[in-house]
Amino acid sequence: MGEIAYHRVMLKISGEALAGDNSRGLDFSVIGEVSDAIKECVQMGVQVGVVVGGGNFWRGVKDGGDQMERTRADHMGMLATTINALAVADVLEQRGVDVRVQTAIEMRSIAEPYIRSRAIRHLEKGRVVIFGCGTGNPYFSTDTAAVLRAAEIGAEIILLAKNIDGVYSADPRLDPSAEKYDSISYEDVLAKRLQVMDYTATSLSMDNDIPVLLFALKDPENIIRAVKGEKIGTIVKD
């Protein structure tokens, strides 16, 4: 079904992307299209790990603001990621894809606890592994969780599927002259304070030499193009 450029990838999907055109909740047509793309990747022989955000339900400090203690607000965000992980897992299973959900906070009645060796074994058997609850710690984003899990499972690249088609010199919605980068270094992302991932996630990917490919999820076929090594979005690397 075509040549692949990467054999093991970490796909990061924001919660907002799973909500489609709505600001909250789940858009199952979007999840279905994403699941179709993941299924095709698996059929091509790609081992796929997935980290999901939770912003379509709750975004820790942003939604908690000064109304809640930060740690508790972040724990609520971790639970939101689990809702999304279970939803994506269900849609994948409806398509005949073997999938496991692992969570950084134990909730054994609905998901496996995260165990690195078990996650790798699932991937080697052709199962999609969805990682919920971020890192399991407050003050860390799901972008950081994606990089951490990618490093732990030995992913060759992080596929960062967002609502924008690449990295720009400025917000293209506010600045029509903003320049889109085809490729950019971690150092430039940090120095120019570009909003690819948060700084902790960017530094962690730089320290572990894991390239990050940011592209638009609006066309889920981009996931397939990415694993084939086609030129899409913006790649962040040394």
Foldseek 3Di string as FASTA:
>chain_A
DAAFPWQEEEEEEEQCQQCPPDLADGDVVLLLLLLVLVVVCLVVNHQYEYEYWQRNHADQCVVCPVVDDRFVSLQVRLVSSVVVLVSSCVSNVVVVAAEFEEECDDDPVRHHHDDLVVSLVCSVVSHYYYYTSQNVGTPDGNLLSSLVSCLSNVGQAYEYEDQAAAWWLDPCVVPVPIHGALEEELVCCVVSVTVPDDNNSSVSCQVSFHKYFYGYSVNSNVSVCVRRPHRTYYIYGD
